[in-house]
């Protein structure tokens, strides 16, 4: 199944670009993985080939260890940003959606222990599941609940007001290092409650009262 950005209100003609991700932006998530809180946003990039539609089944890569879920608020960029202010970053966000940042945790740990980059554990095909996006001007990014249920059990329950750095602050910071282009997506970090996926799992995600999404792990 190919991927193209979608808006809940209709079609979207933005190209599919890169995904810039932010690690450890919720204190409780950093603590659950025994990671220190970063002095500045921890950034990494997934290529466009990592993206798949949220409704497409998740496939656990064979022979690569445990696959962990991380539910995140995703923002769709609609205008170029380079060294942007927070006001410019806010104006460039055209959509807000749900994302699953999938991580090969055993591989990531091994790579980190060797002092190596994480891309093999974070940027593989299908490692970024994206929902359709709601219009950004209908969303309060400062206080936005995000939840994940797996097999009807609530696993993640966070809010953007728990972030170490706000969504617009993150987007502005990212633009200091990488130019963001229309069609790029920013994942803003995951709240506590991450864990390993199992074949047959059913996942339901909720963004406030405006967006829901579902997917499953292939048997």
Foldseek 3Di string as FASTA:
>chain_A
DDDDAAAPVGRDDWGAFKEKEWEQQFVQACVVVPHDRDPDTDIDIAGSQQEDAQAEAAEDDPPLAFKKWFKFKKWFFAAKFALDDLVVLLVRTFWIWMKIFIFSVVQQVVCVVVVHDRCVGGHDGNRIHIYHTYGSVVDDQCWKWKWKDKPNHTQFTDTQVSTNDTPSRVSSVVNHPDIDHGNYMYTYYGYPRMDTDDAFIKMWMDIHPPDIGIYHHHD
